[in-house]
Amino acid sequence: MLTRVFAILSAAALAVPMALAPAAPALAQDGGPLRITITDGVIEPLPFALPSFFDGGGAGQYASDITQVVAEDLTGTGLFRRIGSESFISTPSGFGGQVSYADWRAINAQALITGSVAVNGNQLTVSFRLYDVFAGGELGEGLQFSGTTDGWRRMGHKVADAVYSRITGEGGYFDSRVVFVAESGPKDDRARRIGIMDYDGANVQYLTDSSSLVLAPRFSPTGDRVLYTSYAGGTAGVRMLNVAAPAGQAVPTAPGEMAFTPRFSQNGSQVIYSVASGGNTDLYRTDLATGSHSQLTNAPSIETSPSFSPDGSQIVFESDRSGQQQLYIMSASGGEARRISFGDGRYGSPVWSPRGDLIAFTKQNAGRFHIGVMRTDGSEERLLTSSFLDESPTWAPNGRVLMFTRETQGAQGGPSLYSVDVSGRNLQRVPTDGFASDASWGPLQQ
């Protein structure tokens, strides 16, 4: 079975090897349970065949373009390898037609994806099937997605998400968007505006202009709103905009000299942020419906970069109360905090995984910056990256990939967005037109 063959790959690449997570169970040849323990090693991507989708009527270029999106999504994970069409012995005669499994086995294709695209006016319909070549049958039922021709890339992402989920057992993340800070101009006078794009850098739009400094945009749990820090009034304040009608409005925050690093609660009804006043910085929470404020910390130190746990019961944040930046967790209603970072160096910008099992962070140590992950009790810390300056991690919706900012040195240097698998594999740059920083990965689109 394709799922059994892929179990070894998914255990290594998706179950977070080297003690971050237990190895995934797989089925042995006799059908009994088998637990695979992965320590290290090179992961061989799963080979799949993806003939160009059929034209189901009026599709034209859309059929090949959508096929290419599916291929790029899957191969971009580092878990899949597309077999070139020059190796094909045969191809299906039509969508849903008979599959010659022996021909696909002969070229070592473990999965076969076929599809069809039909266009009627501005309406586009994509159908696809996924076949387990070695088992000789279809893996799940065929699916169909519909949308407009303007959203043809989304249809490709949806197909790729479905294929990815069926083979790995993980949730997909391709049909998602990212908000970020787009930067332009000389290094000592950068113009910054908030942009939004598909997870792969396509379809960029701008939600603010560059008339004032903007920082740290953060998606709402439903992906329809964005919080950010704005210097529109001369000092840092929290603002919010609606993605569909991006006219930013001030969020009423607790009194203080500055308010910054905002983030939504897990249900989007509250905002948590930092307030600086009199040389001290504490965490506050504001109810968006009532405007009422709650002070969560009260210490002679700097508390900032708060992030809710997925169930909303706890908050992770950074604080220098120990003498340097470290990570702490406390109840979402405030109270005593416990420190969870104890390694060498300074820790910051923590963000809770959507799965609730890990916390990503930035670490500075010995002149290098790293993106890392640890358990919520601070155990099993692992550094995934290392460079002159890596910072501001954000999680993919499925909790398996991180995006972050990497800055290059020199007068011509600047920030770019990168992604990395939570195992530390598959580091790659996210294509953007110009400099980009401070990303926030939104949920899967509806």
Protein backbone atom coordinates (compact mmCIF):
# COMPACT_ATOMS: atom_id res chain seq x y z
CA MET A 1 0.00 0.00 0.00
CA LEU A 2 1.14 3.54 -0.73
CA THR A 3 0.31 4.59 2.81
CA ARG A 4 2.47 1.79 4.25
CA VAL A 5 5.40 2.62 1.95
CA PHE A 6 5.14 6.28 2.86
CA ALA A 7 5.02 5.57 6.60
CA ILE A 8 8.80 5.42 6.78
CA LEU A 9 9.13 8.74 4.97
CA SER A 10 6.47 10.49 6.98
CA ALA A 11 7.85 9.16 10.26
CA ALA A 12 11.24 10.65 9.45
CA ALA A 13 10.21 13.88 7.83
CA LEU A 14 6.92 14.69 9.52
CA ALA A 15 7.10 13.13 12.96
CA VAL A 16 9.93 15.46 13.99
CA PRO A 17 12.88 13.10 14.36
CA MET A 18 15.68 13.18 16.90
CA ALA A 19 13.47 13.01 19.97
CA LEU A 20 11.14 15.93 19.30
CA ALA A 21 8.20 13.58 18.77
CA PRO A 22 7.62 9.83 18.96
CA ALA A 23 8.00 7.97 15.71
CA ALA A 24 4.76 7.38 13.84
CA PRO A 25 3.27 3.87 13.95
CA ALA A 26 3.09 2.01 10.64
CA LEU A 27 1.55 -1.25 9.47
CA ALA A 28 3.87 -4.18 8.93
CA GLN A 29 3.60 -6.47 5.91
CA ASP A 30 1.52 -8.93 7.93
CA GLY A 31 -0.89 -6.20 9.01
CA GLY A 32 0.39 -6.08 12.58
CA PRO A 33 1.48 -2.88 14.30
CA LEU A 34 5.05 -1.72 13.84
CA ARG A 35 6.71 1.19 15.58
CA ILE A 36 9.54 2.78 13.65
CA THR A 37 12.15 4.74 15.58
CA ILE A 38 13.96 7.29 13.45
CA THR A 39 17.25 8.77 14.61
CA ASP A 40 18.77 10.35 11.53
CA GLY A 41 19.48 9.60 7.89
CA VAL A 42 18.71 10.89 4.43
CA ILE A 43 15.07 10.92 3.42
CA GLU A 44 14.29 9.77 -0.11
CA PRO A 45 11.32 11.74 -1.50
CA LEU A 46 8.34 9.70 -2.63
CA PRO A 47 8.22 9.50 -6.47
CA PHE A 48 4.87 10.41 -8.00
CA ALA A 49 3.54 10.75 -11.53
CA LEU A 50 1.46 13.74 -12.49
CA PRO A 51 0.40 13.86 -16.15
CA SER A 52 -0.94 17.22 -17.26
CA PHE A 53 -4.60 17.55 -16.28
CA PHE A 54 -7.10 16.88 -19.04
CA ASP A 55 -9.08 19.67 -20.68
CA GLY A 56 -12.62 18.91 -19.57
CA GLY A 57 -14.03 21.71 -21.70
CA GLY A 58 -12.78 25.23 -22.37
CA ALA A 59 -9.85 24.89 -19.97
CA GLY A 60 -7.05 25.84 -22.35
CA GLN A 61 -3.91 26.94 -20.49
CA TYR A 62 -5.60 26.55 -17.09
CA ALA A 63 -5.16 22.76 -17.22
CA SER A 64 -1.37 22.84 -17.50
CA ASP A 65 -1.02 25.82 -15.17
CA ILE A 66 -2.99 24.13 -12.39
CA THR A 67 -1.00 20.94 -12.91
CA GLN A 68 2.19 22.94 -12.41
CA VAL A 69 0.91 24.47 -9.15
CA VAL A 70 0.11 21.00 -7.79
CA ALA A 71 3.58 19.77 -8.73
CA GLU A 72 5.36 22.76 -7.19
CA ASP A 73 3.37 22.50 -3.95
CA LEU A 74 4.19 18.82 -3.46
CA THR A 75 7.83 18.92 -4.52
CA GLY A 76 8.38 22.08 -2.48
CA THR A 77 7.82 20.11 0.73
CA GLY A 78 10.93 18.03 0.10
CA LEU A 79 8.83 14.89 0.65
CA PHE A 80 7.84 14.24 -2.97
CA ARG A 81 9.70 13.87 -6.29
CA ARG A 82 7.86 14.27 -9.58
CA ILE A 83 8.74 11.77 -12.29
CA GLY A 84 9.28 13.48 -15.63
CA SER A 85 6.83 12.78 -18.44
CA GLU A 86 9.69 11.52 -20.63
CA SER A 87 9.79 8.43 -18.40
CA PHE A 88 6.11 7.58 -18.86
CA ILE A 89 5.40 4.26 -20.59
CA SER A 90 1.71 5.02 -20.94
CA THR A 91 -0.75 7.68 -19.86
CA PRO A 92 -4.42 7.45 -18.95
CA SER A 93 -6.69 7.75 -21.96
CA GLY A 94 -8.89 10.23 -20.10
CA PHE A 95 -9.83 11.38 -16.64
CA GLY A 96 -11.19 8.39 -14.76
CA GLY A 97 -10.05 6.05 -17.50
CA GLN A 98 -8.40 2.70 -16.92
CA VAL A 99 -4.98 2.86 -15.25
CA SER A 100 -2.20 0.51 -16.36
CA TYR A 101 -0.61 0.02 -12.95
CA ALA A 102 2.16 -2.20 -14.31
CA ASP A 103 3.43 0.64 -16.50
CA TRP A 104 3.59 3.01 -13.55
CA ARG A 105 5.24 0.41 -11.32
CA ALA A 106 7.88 -0.08 -14.01
CA ILE A 107 9.05 3.52 -13.59
CA ASN A 108 8.79 3.28 -9.78
CA ALA A 109 5.89 5.71 -9.45
CA GLN A 110 4.35 5.09 -6.05
CA ALA A 111 1.51 7.55 -6.54
CA LEU A 112 -0.36 8.65 -9.65
CA ILE A 113 -2.41 11.85 -9.77
CA THR A 114 -4.82 12.51 -12.62
CA GLY A 115 -7.10 15.47 -13.07
CA SER A 116 -9.47 17.37 -15.30
CA VAL A 117 -10.20 21.09 -15.64
CA ALA A 118 -13.37 22.58 -17.11
CA VAL A 119 -14.18 26.27 -17.65
CA ASN A 120 -17.62 27.73 -18.24
CA GLY A 121 -17.57 31.51 -18.48
CA ASN A 122 -15.61 32.65 -15.43
CA GLN A 123 -16.39 29.47 -13.50
CA LEU A 124 -13.68 26.84 -13.17
CA THR A 125 -14.04 23.24 -11.97
CA VAL A 126 -11.12 20.95 -11.11
CA SER A 127 -11.54 17.21 -10.53
CA PHE A 128 -8.77 14.84 -9.50
CA ARG A 129 -8.03 11.23 -8.51
CA LEU A 130 -5.14 9.80 -6.50
CA TYR A 131 -3.97 6.24 -7.16
CA ASP A 132 -1.86 3.93 -5.01
CA VAL A 133 0.22 2.36 -7.76
CA PHE A 134 1.63 -0.61 -5.86
CA ALA A 135 -1.71 -1.52 -4.28
CA GLY A 136 -3.38 -1.11 -7.66
CA GLY A 137 -6.29 1.03 -6.54
CA GLU A 138 -7.57 4.50 -5.86
CA LEU A 139 -6.51 6.13 -2.57
CA GLY A 140 -9.76 7.68 -1.38
CA GLU A 141 -12.53 8.96 -3.57
CA GLY A 142 -12.07 11.51 -6.32
CA LEU A 143 -12.74 15.12 -5.38
CA GLN A 144 -13.95 18.19 -7.21
CA PHE A 145 -13.29 21.87 -6.46
CA SER A 146 -15.03 24.85 -8.01
CA GLY A 147 -14.20 28.54 -8.14
CA THR A 148 -13.61 31.41 -10.50
CA THR A 149 -10.95 31.62 -13.16
CA ASP A 150 -9.31 34.44 -11.17
CA GLY A 151 -8.76 31.93 -8.37
CA TRP A 152 -7.25 29.17 -10.51
CA ARG A 153 -4.13 28.97 -8.35
CA ARG A 154 -6.29 28.24 -5.32
CA MET A 155 -7.76 25.24 -7.12
CA GLY A 156 -4.27 23.87 -7.61
CA HIS A 157 -3.43 24.45 -3.94
CA LYS A 158 -6.62 22.66 -2.89
CA VAL A 159 -5.77 19.61 -4.97
CA ALA A 160 -2.23 19.56 -3.55
CA ASP A 161 -3.58 19.87 0.01
CA ALA A 162 -5.87 16.88 -0.54
CA VAL A 163 -3.07 14.75 -2.01
CA TYR A 164 -0.65 15.74 0.76
CA SER A 165 -3.19 14.93 3.48
CA ARG A 166 -4.14 11.55 2.02
CA ILE A 167 -0.55 10.39 1.74
CA THR A 168 0.94 11.83 4.93
CA GLY A 169 -2.06 11.88 7.26
CA GLU A 170 -1.20 15.52 8.06
CA GLY A 171 -3.32 18.56 7.38
CA GLY A 172 -2.42 20.58 4.31
CA TYR A 173 -1.14 24.15 4.23
CA PHE A 174 -0.91 25.16 0.55
CA ASP A 175 -4.27 26.97 0.31
CA SER A 176 -3.24 29.62 2.84
CA ARG A 177 -2.03 33.20 2.86
CA VAL A 178 0.70 35.15 4.63
CA VAL A 179 0.76 38.77 5.76
CA PHE A 180 4.16 40.42 5.95
CA VAL A 181 6.02 43.72 5.91
CA ALA A 182 7.19 44.65 2.41
CA GLU A 183 10.31 46.85 2.55
CA SER A 184 11.89 49.07 -0.08
CA GLY A 185 14.46 51.82 -0.30
CA PRO A 186 17.92 52.35 1.24
CA LYS A 187 18.85 50.54 4.42
CA ASP A 188 18.83 53.68 6.57
CA ASP A 189 15.47 54.88 5.25
CA ARG A 190 13.30 51.87 4.48
CA ALA A 191 9.68 52.34 3.46
CA ARG A 192 7.44 49.66 4.95
CA ARG A 193 3.91 48.58 4.12
CA ILE A 194 1.85 45.51 4.95
CA GLY A 195 1.41 43.02 2.14
CA ILE A 196 -0.58 39.84 1.79
CA MET A 197 0.26 36.93 -0.51
CA ASP A 198 -0.28 33.23 -1.09
CA TYR A 199 1.96 30.98 0.98
CA ASP A 200 4.29 30.57 -2.04
CA GLY A 201 4.72 34.29 -2.70
CA ALA A 202 2.14 34.62 -5.48
CA ASN A 203 -0.78 37.07 -5.73
CA VAL A 204 0.76 39.89 -3.68
CA GLN A 205 -1.51 42.74 -2.62
CA TYR A 206 -0.79 45.66 -0.30
CA LEU A 207 -3.02 46.48 2.65
CA THR A 208 -1.35 49.71 3.80
CA ASP A 209 0.73 52.43 2.18
CA SER A 210 4.22 53.44 3.28
CA SER A 211 3.27 56.81 4.80
CA SER A 212 4.03 55.58 8.33
CA LEU A 213 6.08 52.83 9.91
CA VAL A 214 4.27 49.52 10.32
CA LEU A 215 5.53 46.42 12.12
CA ALA A 216 4.50 42.93 13.19
CA PRO A 217 1.27 42.19 11.29
CA ARG A 218 -0.64 39.26 12.80
CA PHE A 219 -3.53 37.33 11.24
CA SER A 220 -6.76 36.65 13.08
CA PRO A 221 -7.64 32.95 13.56
CA THR A 222 -10.17 33.21 10.72
CA GLY A 223 -7.83 35.09 8.40
CA ASP A 224 -10.17 38.02 7.82
CA ARG A 225 -8.46 40.61 10.04
CA VAL A 226 -4.90 41.73 10.72
CA LEU A 227 -3.44 43.35 13.82
CA TYR A 228 -0.25 45.37 13.54
CA THR A 229 1.91 47.97 15.26
CA SER A 230 1.69 51.42 13.66
CA TYR A 231 3.60 54.65 14.23
CA ALA A 232 0.98 56.71 12.40
CA GLY A 233 0.57 59.04 15.38
CA GLY A 234 4.28 59.35 16.04
CA THR A 235 4.39 56.65 18.72
CA ALA A 236 3.69 52.93 18.59
CA GLY A 237 0.02 51.96 18.73
CA VAL A 238 -2.08 48.92 17.88
CA ARG A 239 -4.23 49.02 14.77
CA MET A 240 -6.49 46.52 13.04
CA LEU A 241 -7.68 46.20 9.46
CA ASN A 242 -10.12 44.04 7.56
CA VAL A 243 -8.40 42.17 4.75
CA ALA A 244 -11.38 42.62 2.42
CA ALA A 245 -11.56 46.38 3.05
CA PRO A 246 -8.15 47.38 4.42
CA ALA A 247 -8.77 50.69 6.16
CA GLY A 248 -6.82 50.47 9.41
CA GLN A 249 -8.47 51.56 12.62
CA ALA A 250 -6.98 52.09 16.05
CA VAL A 251 -7.59 49.44 18.68
CA PRO A 252 -8.35 50.97 22.10
CA THR A 253 -5.52 49.84 24.35
CA ALA A 254 -4.63 50.34 27.99
CA PRO A 255 -3.07 53.73 28.86
CA GLY A 256 0.67 54.02 28.37
CA GLU A 257 3.39 55.59 26.28
CA MET A 258 3.41 52.86 23.62
CA ALA A 259 1.42 49.72 22.73
CA PHE A 260 2.94 47.08 20.44
CA THR A 261 3.36 43.36 19.51
CA PRO A 262 -0.40 42.65 19.36
CA ARG A 263 -1.84 39.21 18.75
CA PHE A 264 -5.38 37.82 18.61
CA SER A 265 -6.77 35.35 21.11
CA GLN A 266 -7.65 31.89 19.82
CA ASN A 267 -11.25 32.91 19.07
CA GLY A 268 -10.41 36.37 17.75
CA SER A 269 -12.46 38.21 20.38
CA GLN A 270 -9.54 39.59 22.38
CA VAL A 271 -6.16 41.17 21.74
CA ILE A 272 -3.04 40.67 23.84
CA TYR A 273 -0.18 43.16 23.56
CA SER A 274 2.59 45.05 25.40
CA VAL A 275 2.27 48.51 26.95
CA ALA A 276 5.37 50.55 27.79
CA SER A 277 5.15 53.23 30.44
CA GLY A 278 7.76 54.82 32.68
CA GLY A 279 10.56 52.53 31.55
CA ASN A 280 8.53 49.41 32.26
CA THR A 281 6.67 47.12 29.83
CA ASP A 282 3.83 44.79 30.80
CA LEU A 283 1.30 42.59 29.04
CA TYR A 284 -2.34 43.58 28.71
CA ARG A 285 -5.45 42.05 27.19
CA THR A 286 -8.35 43.96 25.64
CA ASP A 287 -11.81 42.65 24.85
CA LEU A 288 -12.66 43.92 21.37
CA ALA A 289 -16.43 43.91 22.01
CA THR A 290 -16.42 45.83 25.32
CA GLY A 291 -13.08 47.66 25.19
CA SER A 292 -12.28 46.50 28.73
CA HIS A 293 -8.61 46.00 29.64
CA SER A 294 -6.90 43.46 31.88
CA GLN A 295 -3.32 43.79 33.10
CA LEU A 296 -1.64 40.38 32.96
CA THR A 297 1.86 41.11 34.28
CA ASN A 298 3.18 43.58 36.84
CA ALA A 299 6.94 43.30 37.09
CA PRO A 300 9.88 45.75 36.91
CA SER A 301 11.01 44.22 33.62
CA ILE A 302 10.14 44.10 29.93
CA GLU A 303 7.42 41.60 28.94
CA THR A 304 6.57 41.37 25.26
CA SER A 305 5.78 39.13 22.24
CA PRO A 306 2.88 37.20 23.81
CA SER A 307 1.28 34.22 22.04
CA PHE A 308 -1.78 32.22 23.11
CA SER A 309 -1.85 28.45 23.31
CA PRO A 310 -4.31 26.91 20.81
CA ASP A 311 -6.88 26.25 23.55
CA GLY A 312 -6.56 29.81 24.85
CA SER A 313 -5.72 28.76 28.40
CA GLN A 314 -2.07 29.87 28.48
CA ILE A 315 0.28 32.52 27.11
CA VAL A 316 3.94 32.24 26.21
CA PHE A 317 5.97 35.46 26.20
CA GLU A 318 9.49 36.83 26.48
CA SER A 319 10.79 38.68 29.52
CA ASP A 320 14.13 39.96 30.84
CA ARG A 321 13.10 39.51 34.47
CA SER A 322 15.97 37.04 34.94
CA GLY A 323 18.51 39.56 33.64
CA GLN A 324 18.30 38.64 29.94
CA GLN A 325 15.56 37.68 27.48
CA GLN A 326 14.02 34.30 28.31
CA LEU A 327 10.69 32.57 27.61
CA TYR A 328 7.90 32.19 30.16
CA ILE A 329 4.44 30.64 30.27
CA MET A 330 1.54 31.77 32.42
CA SER A 331 -2.23 31.46 32.58
CA ALA A 332 -4.14 33.51 30.02
CA SER A 333 -5.68 35.41 32.93
CA GLY A 334 -2.25 36.38 34.32
CA GLY A 335 -0.62 35.30 37.57
CA GLU A 336 2.59 33.43 38.30
CA ALA A 337 4.77 32.66 35.29
CA ARG A 338 7.21 29.77 34.89
CA ARG A 339 10.39 30.01 32.91
CA ILE A 340 10.84 27.42 30.16
CA SER A 341 14.12 28.46 28.43
CA PHE A 342 17.40 27.66 30.14
CA GLY A 343 20.00 27.32 27.37
CA ASP A 344 22.85 29.70 26.67
CA GLY A 345 21.92 32.93 24.95
CA ARG A 346 18.84 35.12 24.64
CA TYR A 347 15.39 33.90 23.60
CA GLY A 348 12.59 35.91 22.00
CA SER A 349 9.53 36.09 19.70
CA PRO A 350 7.91 32.85 20.92
CA VAL A 351 4.87 31.49 19.09
CA TRP A 352 2.77 28.49 20.01
CA SER A 353 2.30 25.72 17.45
CA PRO A 354 -1.26 25.23 16.13
CA ARG A 355 -0.95 21.65 17.40
CA GLY A 356 -0.14 22.86 20.90
CA ASP A 357 2.89 20.59 21.25
CA LEU A 358 5.77 22.94 20.43
CA ILE A 359 6.86 26.55 20.84
CA ALA A 360 8.98 28.18 18.14
CA PHE A 361 11.36 30.98 19.08
CA THR A 362 14.30 33.14 18.06
CA LYS A 363 17.61 32.54 19.84
CA GLN A 364 20.73 34.68 19.87
CA ASN A 365 23.92 33.01 21.03
CA ALA A 366 27.64 33.45 20.31
CA GLY A 367 27.02 36.04 17.61
CA ARG A 368 24.54 33.91 15.64
CA PHE A 369 20.76 33.93 15.40
CA HIS A 370 18.66 30.80 15.21
CA ILE A 371 15.07 29.68 14.75
CA GLY A 372 14.34 26.87 17.18
CA VAL A 373 11.58 24.80 18.70
CA MET A 374 11.07 23.28 22.13
CA ARG A 375 8.40 21.43 24.05
CA THR A 376 5.99 23.55 26.06
CA ASP A 377 7.84 22.58 29.24
CA GLY A 378 11.12 23.79 27.73
CA SER A 379 12.51 20.33 27.07
CA GLU A 380 14.00 18.96 23.84
CA GLU A 381 15.17 22.29 22.46
CA ARG A 382 16.35 22.06 18.86
CA LEU A 383 17.79 24.78 16.63
CA LEU A 384 16.59 24.55 13.04
CA THR A 385 18.55 27.41 11.44
CA SER A 386 21.65 29.53 11.96
CA SER A 387 22.67 32.79 10.29
CA PHE A 388 23.74 36.40 10.76
CA LEU A 389 20.13 37.24 11.70
CA ASP A 390 17.13 34.88 11.78
CA GLU A 391 14.02 36.00 13.66
CA SER A 392 10.22 36.15 13.92
CA PRO A 393 9.02 32.57 13.27
CA THR A 394 5.43 31.84 12.29
CA TRP A 395 3.71 28.45 11.95
CA ALA A 396 1.98 26.94 8.94
CA PRO A 397 -1.65 25.96 9.65
CA ASN A 398 -0.69 22.29 10.07
CA GLY A 399 2.15 22.96 12.52
CA ARG A 400 4.79 21.25 10.37
CA VAL A 401 6.51 24.18 8.62
CA LEU A 402 7.88 27.48 9.90
CA MET A 403 8.37 30.72 8.01
CA PHE A 404 10.79 33.34 9.35
CA THR A 405 12.83 36.44 8.49
CA ARG A 406 16.49 36.17 7.47
CA GLU A 407 18.56 39.35 7.18
CA THR A 408 21.73 39.63 5.09
CA GLN A 409 24.72 41.77 6.03
CA GLY A 410 26.19 44.85 4.40
CA ALA A 411 24.98 48.14 3.01
CA GLN A 412 22.98 46.34 0.34
CA GLY A 413 21.67 43.67 2.72
CA GLY A 414 18.09 43.30 3.76
CA PRO A 415 15.43 40.88 5.01
CA SER A 416 13.87 37.98 3.12
CA LEU A 417 11.36 35.32 4.09
CA TYR A 418 12.43 31.70 4.42
CA SER A 419 10.66 28.48 5.35
CA VAL A 420 11.95 25.33 7.02
CA ASP A 421 10.41 22.02 7.99
CA VAL A 422 10.01 21.51 11.72
CA SER A 423 12.53 18.68 11.45
CA GLY A 424 15.13 21.24 10.30
CA ARG A 425 15.08 20.01 6.69
CA ASN A 426 14.09 21.72 3.46
CA LEU A 427 15.26 25.28 4.12
CA GLN A 428 14.21 27.49 1.22
CA ARG A 429 13.60 31.13 0.38
CA VAL A 430 10.04 32.34 -0.16
CA PRO A 431 10.02 34.39 -3.39
CA THR A 432 9.00 38.03 -2.90
CA ASP A 433 9.41 41.14 -5.03
CA GLY A 434 11.92 43.03 -2.90
CA PHE A 435 12.71 42.83 0.79
CA ALA A 436 10.19 41.21 3.13
CA SER A 437 10.02 40.60 6.88
CA ASP A 438 7.83 39.82 9.89
CA ALA A 439 5.48 37.26 8.34
CA SER A 440 2.32 35.86 9.91
CA TRP A 441 0.94 32.65 8.39
CA GLY A 442 -2.84 32.58 8.22
CA PRO A 443 -5.26 29.64 8.38
CA LEU A 444 -6.42 27.55 5.46
CA GLN A 445 -8.84 29.57 3.36
CA GLN A 446 -12.50 28.64 3.36
